[in-house]
Structure formats: structure tokens, C-alpha cells
Protein backbone atom coordinates (compact mmCIF):
# COMPACT_ATOMS: atom_id res chain seq x y z
CA MET A 1 0.00 0.00 0.00
CA LEU A 2 2.76 2.45 0.92
CA GLN A 3 4.60 1.61 -2.28
CA ARG A 4 1.50 2.50 -4.29
CA ILE A 5 1.26 5.87 -2.56
CA VAL A 6 4.94 6.61 -3.11
CA ARG A 7 4.62 5.70 -6.79
CA SER A 8 1.59 7.97 -7.11
CA LEU A 9 3.39 10.86 -5.44
CA GLY A 10 6.40 10.32 -7.67
CA ARG A 11 4.25 10.60 -10.76
CA LEU A 12 3.28 14.17 -9.87
CA ASP A 13 6.71 15.25 -11.03
CA ALA A 14 6.03 13.56 -14.36
CA PHE A 15 2.83 15.49 -15.11
CA ARG A 16 4.59 18.12 -17.14
CA THR A 17 6.58 15.54 -19.11
CA GLU A 18 3.52 13.44 -19.79
CA SER A 19 1.62 16.47 -21.16
CA GLY A 20 4.46 17.59 -23.39
CA GLY A 21 5.34 20.50 -21.12
CA ALA A 22 1.74 21.68 -20.71
CA PHE A 23 -0.16 21.36 -17.42
CA ARG A 24 -3.41 19.42 -17.86
CA PRO A 25 -5.95 19.89 -14.99
CA SER A 26 -7.76 16.64 -15.84
CA ALA A 27 -4.56 14.60 -15.50
CA PHE A 28 -3.74 16.26 -12.16
CA ALA A 29 -7.26 15.61 -10.88
CA ASN A 30 -7.01 11.93 -11.74
CA ARG A 31 -3.65 11.63 -9.95
CA ARG A 32 -5.00 13.44 -6.90
CA GLN A 33 -8.01 11.14 -6.71
CA ALA A 34 -5.78 8.06 -6.93
CA ILE A 35 -3.56 9.32 -4.10
CA ALA A 36 -6.58 10.21 -1.95
CA ALA A 37 -8.02 6.74 -2.45
CA SER A 38 -4.71 5.14 -1.46
CA LEU A 39 -4.50 7.25 1.70
CA VAL A 40 -8.03 6.29 2.71
CA SER A 41 -7.21 2.59 2.23
CA LEU A 42 -4.02 2.93 4.29
CA ALA A 43 -5.90 4.65 7.11
CA ALA A 44 -8.45 1.83 7.15
CA LEU A 45 -5.71 -0.79 7.35
CA LEU A 46 -3.97 1.00 10.21
CA ALA A 47 -7.25 1.33 12.11
CA ALA A 48 -7.94 -2.39 11.72
CA ALA A 49 -4.43 -3.50 12.80
CA PRO A 50 -4.30 -4.69 16.41
CA ALA A 51 -2.52 -2.28 18.73
CA ALA A 52 0.14 -3.49 21.14
CA ALA A 53 -1.74 -5.08 24.04
CA GLN A 54 -1.72 -3.09 27.26
CA ILE A 55 -3.42 -4.15 30.45
CA ASP A 56 -5.34 -1.21 31.85
CA THR A 57 -5.42 -2.33 35.50
CA LEU A 58 -3.52 -5.34 36.77
CA LYS A 59 -4.94 -6.97 39.91
CA MET A 60 -2.15 -8.60 41.92
CA MET A 61 -3.03 -11.00 44.71
CA ILE A 62 -0.23 -11.57 47.23
CA GLY A 63 -0.78 -14.56 49.51
CA ALA A 64 1.33 -13.13 52.32
CA ASN A 65 1.54 -10.12 54.59
CA PRO A 66 3.23 -6.90 53.40
CA GLY A 67 7.02 -6.80 53.45
CA GLY A 68 7.86 -10.45 52.78
CA GLY A 69 9.29 -12.20 49.74
CA PHE A 70 5.93 -12.76 48.04
CA ASP A 71 4.99 -9.11 48.59
CA GLN A 72 8.30 -7.87 47.22
CA THR A 73 7.96 -10.13 44.18
CA GLY A 74 4.43 -9.01 43.32
CA ARG A 75 5.08 -5.31 43.67
CA SER A 76 8.43 -5.48 41.84
CA ILE A 77 7.15 -7.34 38.76
CA ALA A 78 4.07 -5.09 38.57
CA ALA A 79 6.30 -2.00 38.65
CA ALA A 80 8.51 -3.50 35.94
CA MET A 81 5.45 -4.22 33.77
CA GLN A 82 4.38 -0.62 34.18
CA ALA A 83 7.88 0.55 33.24
CA ALA A 84 7.68 -1.63 30.12
CA GLY A 85 4.34 -0.09 29.16
CA SER A 86 2.53 -3.43 29.23
CA VAL A 87 0.48 -2.38 32.27
CA ARG A 88 -1.06 1.03 32.90
CA ASN A 89 -2.12 0.68 36.56
CA ALA A 90 -1.79 -1.97 39.26
CA THR A 91 -3.69 -2.76 42.45
CA PHE A 92 -2.55 -5.10 45.22
CA GLU A 93 -4.25 -7.24 47.83
CA ASN A 94 -2.37 -9.01 50.62
CA LYS A 95 -4.04 -12.14 52.01
CA GLY A 96 -1.58 -14.02 54.18
CA GLY A 97 -1.82 -17.39 55.82
CA ALA A 98 -1.14 -21.10 55.25
CA GLY A 99 1.78 -20.58 52.89
CA GLY A 100 -0.31 -18.51 50.50
CA THR A 101 -3.09 -21.06 50.05
CA ILE A 102 -5.71 -18.84 51.72
CA GLY A 103 -5.00 -16.10 49.19
CA LEU A 104 -4.99 -18.70 46.40
CA ALA A 105 -8.48 -19.91 47.32
CA GLN A 106 -9.84 -16.36 47.30
CA PHE A 107 -8.07 -15.58 44.02
CA VAL A 108 -9.44 -18.64 42.22
CA ASN A 109 -12.98 -18.04 43.46
CA THR A 110 -13.19 -14.28 42.85
CA GLU A 111 -11.06 -13.74 39.74
CA LYS A 112 -12.32 -16.59 37.57
CA GLY A 113 -12.23 -15.51 33.92
CA ASN A 114 -10.39 -12.24 34.67
CA PRO A 115 -7.53 -11.96 32.15
CA ASN A 116 -5.96 -9.06 34.06
CA ALA A 117 -5.33 -10.80 37.39
CA LEU A 118 -2.26 -12.53 38.81
CA ILE A 119 -1.26 -14.21 42.06
CA VAL A 120 2.31 -14.60 43.30
CA THR A 121 3.37 -18.18 43.79
CA GLY A 122 6.54 -20.07 44.58
CA ALA A 123 8.16 -23.05 46.24
CA VAL A 124 6.64 -22.06 49.59
CA MET A 125 3.10 -22.27 48.21
CA VAL A 126 3.83 -25.58 46.46
CA GLY A 127 5.11 -26.98 49.76
CA ALA A 128 2.09 -25.68 51.66
CA ILE A 129 -0.25 -27.37 49.18
CA GLU A 130 1.60 -30.66 49.59
CA MET A 131 1.34 -30.42 53.39
CA SER A 132 -2.28 -29.40 53.80
CA HIS A 133 -3.91 -30.73 50.59
CA PRO A 134 -6.38 -27.80 50.35
CA PRO A 135 -9.43 -28.05 48.07
CA VAL A 136 -8.04 -25.26 45.85
CA THR A 137 -4.56 -25.76 44.38
CA LEU A 138 -2.51 -24.32 41.52
CA LYS A 139 -4.17 -26.89 39.24
CA ASN A 140 -7.26 -24.68 39.52
CA GLY A 141 -5.46 -21.75 37.89
CA THR A 142 -3.41 -20.91 34.78
CA PRO A 143 0.41 -20.93 34.66
CA ILE A 144 1.92 -17.64 33.52
CA ALA A 145 5.61 -17.26 34.40
CA ARG A 146 8.34 -18.38 36.75
CA LEU A 147 10.46 -15.31 37.42
CA PHE A 148 13.57 -15.95 39.46
CA ALA A 149 15.35 -18.29 41.84
CA ASP A 150 16.44 -17.16 45.28
CA ALA A 151 19.37 -19.25 46.51
CA MET A 152 19.55 -19.88 50.24
CA VAL A 153 22.57 -19.48 52.46
CA LEU A 154 23.58 -21.36 55.61
CA VAL A 155 25.18 -19.20 58.29
CA VAL A 156 26.50 -19.42 61.84
CA PRO A 157 27.48 -16.61 64.19
CA THR A 158 31.17 -15.71 63.84
CA SER A 159 31.74 -16.85 67.43
CA SER A 160 30.55 -20.40 66.55
CA LYS A 161 33.02 -23.27 66.78
CA ILE A 162 31.63 -24.45 63.44
CA GLN A 163 34.09 -23.19 60.85
CA SER A 164 32.90 -25.07 57.76
CA MET A 165 30.16 -27.16 56.22
CA ALA A 166 32.20 -30.25 57.07
CA ASP A 167 32.10 -29.27 60.76
CA LEU A 168 28.31 -28.89 60.61
CA ILE A 169 27.85 -32.28 58.91
CA ALA A 170 30.09 -33.98 61.47
CA MET A 171 28.09 -32.47 64.33
CA LEU A 172 24.81 -33.47 62.67
CA LYS A 173 25.92 -37.08 62.20
CA ALA A 174 27.17 -37.37 65.76
CA ASN A 175 23.98 -36.02 67.34
CA PRO A 176 21.18 -34.75 65.04
CA GLY A 177 19.25 -33.17 67.91
CA SER A 178 22.24 -31.07 68.97
CA VAL A 179 22.06 -29.05 65.75
CA SER A 180 19.25 -26.50 65.91
CA TRP A 181 18.27 -24.96 62.58
CA ALA A 182 16.68 -21.50 62.45
CA GLY A 183 14.55 -20.58 59.45
CA GLY A 184 11.13 -19.61 58.21
CA SER A 185 7.83 -21.33 58.82
CA ARG A 186 7.46 -25.05 59.41
CA GLY A 187 7.60 -26.80 56.05
CA SER A 188 9.21 -23.80 54.32
CA THR A 189 12.04 -24.07 51.80
CA ASP A 190 14.44 -23.41 54.70
CA HIS A 191 13.02 -26.40 56.55
CA MET A 192 13.14 -28.57 53.43
CA LEU A 193 16.77 -27.62 52.77
CA ALA A 194 17.72 -28.71 56.29
CA GLY A 195 15.94 -32.02 55.66
CA LEU A 196 17.73 -32.57 52.33
CA ILE A 197 21.14 -31.89 53.90
CA ALA A 198 20.35 -34.35 56.71
CA LYS A 199 19.21 -37.02 54.24
CA GLU A 200 22.30 -36.56 52.08
CA SER A 201 24.43 -36.88 55.23
CA GLY A 202 22.83 -40.18 56.21
CA VAL A 203 20.62 -38.71 58.94
CA GLU A 204 16.85 -39.26 59.04
CA PRO A 205 15.22 -35.93 58.04
CA ALA A 206 12.57 -36.43 60.73
CA LYS A 207 15.32 -36.05 63.35
CA VAL A 208 16.14 -32.49 62.22
CA ASN A 209 15.77 -30.07 65.13
CA TYR A 210 14.14 -27.24 63.20
CA ILE A 211 13.03 -24.02 64.92
CA PRO A 212 10.64 -21.92 62.81
CA PHE A 213 10.50 -18.13 63.10
CA ALA A 214 7.69 -15.89 61.92
CA GLY A 215 10.04 -13.29 60.49
CA GLY A 216 13.61 -12.83 59.36
CA GLY A 217 14.33 -10.37 62.15
CA GLU A 218 13.55 -12.92 64.86
CA ALA A 219 15.69 -15.58 63.19
CA THR A 220 18.57 -13.13 62.82
CA ALA A 221 18.40 -12.22 66.50
CA ALA A 222 18.44 -15.90 67.48
CA ILE A 223 21.51 -16.56 65.31
CA LEU A 224 23.44 -13.53 66.49
CA GLY A 225 22.52 -14.35 70.08
CA ASN A 226 23.89 -17.92 69.75
CA GLN A 227 20.46 -19.33 70.55
CA VAL A 228 20.58 -21.65 67.53
CA THR A 229 23.34 -23.58 65.79
CA VAL A 230 22.77 -22.58 62.17
CA GLY A 231 20.45 -20.32 60.22
CA ILE A 232 18.96 -20.62 56.72
CA ALA A 233 17.47 -17.81 54.64
CA GLY A 234 17.66 -16.18 51.23
CA VAL A 235 21.12 -14.85 50.43
CA SER A 236 19.98 -11.23 50.41
CA GLU A 237 18.59 -11.56 53.94
CA PHE A 238 21.83 -12.65 55.64
CA LEU A 239 24.44 -11.24 53.26
CA PRO A 240 24.70 -7.84 55.04
CA PHE A 241 25.55 -9.63 58.30
CA VAL A 242 28.12 -11.80 56.52
CA LYS A 243 29.76 -8.72 55.01
CA ASP A 244 29.76 -6.99 58.41
CA GLY A 245 31.54 -9.95 59.95
CA LYS A 246 28.69 -10.82 62.30
CA MET A 247 27.87 -14.13 60.56
CA ARG A 248 29.96 -16.77 58.83
CA ALA A 249 28.55 -18.18 55.59
CA LEU A 250 29.04 -21.93 55.23
CA ALA A 251 27.47 -22.58 51.81
CA VAL A 252 24.73 -21.59 49.37
CA SER A 253 22.05 -23.93 48.02
CA SER A 254 22.53 -23.07 44.34
CA SER A 255 24.66 -25.04 41.90
CA PHE A 256 27.06 -22.10 41.63
CA PRO A 257 28.87 -19.78 44.08
CA VAL A 258 27.12 -16.56 45.15
CA GLN A 259 29.07 -13.54 46.38
CA GLY A 260 32.13 -15.73 46.84
CA ILE A 261 30.23 -18.28 48.96
CA LYS A 262 30.71 -21.83 47.70
CA SER A 263 27.78 -24.06 46.84
CA LEU A 264 26.86 -27.19 48.78
CA LYS A 265 27.76 -29.25 45.73
CA ASP A 266 31.20 -27.61 45.58
CA LEU A 267 31.68 -28.70 49.18
CA GLY A 268 30.70 -32.32 48.57
CA VAL A 269 27.05 -32.14 49.67
CA ASN A 270 24.93 -33.19 46.69
CA VAL A 271 22.00 -30.88 47.40
CA GLU A 272 20.60 -28.09 45.25
CA MET A 273 17.50 -26.07 46.06
CA TYR A 274 15.97 -22.69 45.23
CA ASN A 275 13.21 -20.62 46.69
CA TRP A 276 11.80 -19.75 43.27
CA ARG A 277 8.89 -17.39 42.70
CA GLY A 278 6.53 -16.68 39.85
CA VAL A 279 3.01 -15.58 38.92
CA TRP A 280 -0.11 -17.59 38.13
CA GLY A 281 -3.37 -16.60 36.45
CA PRO A 282 -6.96 -17.44 37.41
CA PRO A 283 -9.07 -20.21 35.88
CA GLY A 284 -11.35 -19.58 32.93
CA ILE A 285 -9.11 -17.43 30.75
CA THR A 286 -8.56 -18.29 27.09
CA PRO A 287 -5.21 -19.34 25.58
CA GLU A 288 -5.11 -15.97 23.81
CA GLN A 289 -5.63 -14.11 27.09
CA GLN A 290 -2.98 -16.27 28.73
CA LYS A 291 -0.51 -15.34 25.98
CA VAL A 292 -1.27 -11.62 26.37
CA MET A 293 -0.48 -11.84 30.08
CA ILE A 294 2.66 -13.91 29.48
CA ASP A 295 3.89 -11.34 26.95
CA ALA A 296 3.16 -8.51 29.39
CA VAL A 297 5.15 -10.21 32.15
CA VAL A 298 8.06 -11.08 29.85
CA LYS A 299 8.28 -7.45 28.70
CA GLY A 300 8.51 -6.45 32.35
CA THR A 301 11.43 -8.84 32.92
CA GLN A 302 13.32 -7.19 30.05
CA THR A 303 13.39 -3.75 31.68
CA PRO A 304 16.45 -2.26 33.41
CA GLN A 305 14.22 -1.77 36.47
CA TRP A 306 13.59 -5.53 36.82
CA LYS A 307 17.23 -6.39 36.16
CA ASP A 308 18.27 -3.95 38.89
CA THR A 309 15.78 -5.62 41.26
CA LEU A 310 17.31 -9.03 40.56
CA ALA A 311 20.85 -7.75 41.12
CA ARG A 312 19.95 -5.89 44.31
CA ASN A 313 18.34 -8.96 45.88
CA GLU A 314 20.81 -11.55 44.59
CA TRP A 315 17.97 -13.19 42.65
CA ALA A 316 18.97 -15.31 39.65
CA PRO A 317 16.85 -15.00 36.46
CA PHE A 318 14.80 -18.18 36.13
CA LEU A 319 12.23 -17.30 33.46
CA GLN A 320 9.88 -19.99 32.23
CA THR A 321 6.37 -19.48 30.87
CA GLY A 322 3.05 -21.12 30.11
CA ALA A 323 2.76 -24.89 29.81
CA GLU A 324 6.47 -25.44 30.51
CA PHE A 325 6.09 -23.58 33.80
CA GLY A 326 3.02 -25.67 34.59
CA SER A 327 5.00 -28.87 34.01
CA TYR A 328 7.81 -27.58 36.21
CA VAL A 329 5.37 -26.93 39.06
CA GLU A 330 4.00 -30.47 38.73
CA SER A 331 7.50 -31.93 39.06
CA GLU A 332 8.29 -29.59 41.97
CA SER A 333 5.13 -30.70 43.73
CA LYS A 334 6.32 -34.31 43.61
CA ARG A 335 9.87 -33.45 44.70
CA LEU A 336 8.91 -31.12 47.54
CA GLY A 337 6.12 -33.45 48.63
CA GLY A 338 8.67 -36.22 49.00
CA ILE A 339 10.94 -34.04 51.12
CA LEU A 340 8.04 -33.03 53.35
CA ARG A 341 7.01 -36.66 53.82
CA ASP A 342 10.58 -37.49 54.85
CA LEU A 343 10.33 -34.70 57.41
CA GLY A 344 7.05 -36.13 58.71
CA LEU A 345 5.16 -33.02 57.62
CA ALA A 346 3.06 -34.45 54.80
CA LYS A 347 1.16 -37.63 54.02
């Protein structure tokens, strides 16, 4: 269409040649009508072409109280989607409890068919579903995107006699109950990591002496006060204390070193685990609507704002979308369910 218009415009310069040097009004009128018709056709085509999809108002459900990892994830990805122009506005609702499953039940029941709604999910929610077997699970929703993996770090206070991972394993083997592990809620990824390390070391996971804390601040105080043997949390949570010399990092749960801290695998403990997070859609949306949301999220992850968020929190990019993400969650459910059963926390 554009080529036709350009050719028509170019012929205006040939009017005088075509008329033998004389200007002919009838010829000019015909050319002008042809150009006008082409412009009208082009305008119609442009009007019919689909515009880049933009979500007017994104509704983000966060199955946890404000300030935690789920909350930070939901607000950060929504801000990145706004920065990318794929979302105009965003609203948030925090509904904590039961590892996010209370918020999930509300989300599934109230947002059915809403193509502009998301809920934050992650390993913690998958574990909670495996423990409590609630009537509403992630199978009731629509997979959108896994976003990042948060490696966990094992730390001891600098005054601890435990100098290395080998020291901790030796102590655990000698007397499992003498090693107290501080971390998040019962059945959390922190708890599961402790169970995996015990199992790999030849110790029954059910013998792990795990002490759950409601918040990172309480766990930090217990570690610094020598009230527990070892602490587990996301790298970003304990890294400032490691850098300040108040804690000693023993290992990270990723397959690669983080901030100079060696991985468990590097240290001979064949365990790898991540506290991954992502977003899920409600039931009842079409494949086309699912794709629009996936594209909107992916655009958000491509922004400098999102990349800065990952770097600041020591989060590793772990993007996976749609059906592949759904399959990953199914496999994670089986793996984490097995760990929880070993710990005596699931049936």
C-alpha cells in the first residue's frame, strides 16, 4: 500500500513531461483522486491493525503479609510491567496465611475468567499445598511465568566453633538433635533444605531439630545471640551480616557460588534447592488471554528496572512461561512433597 502511494506521489513530477510541457488539470485531478483513495485505504488498514496489548489495571493478589518475599515479588514485577508499558495501573491485595493457600483460594474463586489478574506463587506455596492438601490448588489456575530463583545461604554466628560445612555435617551425624536450625515457617524451603542436607548426610530428616520463626528479624536475633546452631534464609537476607563480619557463611544452596560463597555441591554435599517465585493466572481465561499476560510479564522482565531488582536482591533470572512452567510446578510438587514426607510433615 505504501509503495502504491509513493509511486503515485512520484508521478506528480512527471505530469509536465507526460503532457508535453503543458499542465493538464484533468490529469492532475485523476492523480490526486488516486492518491486520496490510497490514503483512505491505508488509514483503514492501520485502524484495523491490532494495537500493542496493554493491560489497563492489573490486579495482583499476594498470599502473604506486606514486606515479605511474596509481597516484594508481586510489587516489583508489577512496577517493571508498568515501566515496560505493558500495564497502565496496578492494584494489590495481601491475604496471608497457610503458605499462600488462603489467598490462592480467594483468588481462584473471585477472579475466575479475569484476564488481568495474577497471584504470586513459589516453592513455599507448592510446599504448603503438599502439606495441607487444600481443596483449591494451583491446578485450579493458569500458569503464567516463573520469574527468578532465590538461593539460600547457611550461616552461623562468627563466634561459633563451626568453621565449615564439614564441621556442621560432622556435628549433625554425631547427634542430630544437637544441631538447631533456624529458618522460616514449618515446612518452608528453609526447613526442606535442612531435611535434604540431613538425608544426604545419612541422617533421618525427621530427626532435624528445626526451629521456625515468623520473620527474618527474629531468626537473625536468634543466630546472632547464639540461641541456635545454624540459620537458613535467602542470600539477600543474611548477606549484610556476613559482610559486616557478624555471621559466617558456610554454603549456598545453588549449583554455583554466590558472592564468593561456595555451593553445597562444591563442598561435597549433593543438594541443590531454590526458593523460586513466579506468577499464576486465574481459571477460565482463554489461551489468547494467557498469551497476552505472558507477553506482558516477559516485557517487564526485560526492563532495566527488573534487572536492577534481581541484582539488588541476589535473585537469579529463572524465566519460564506457560505450559512449561506448569510442568515444572507439577515436578516440583512431587519433589517437595517427597521431602516433606521425609520430614514427617506431609502424608
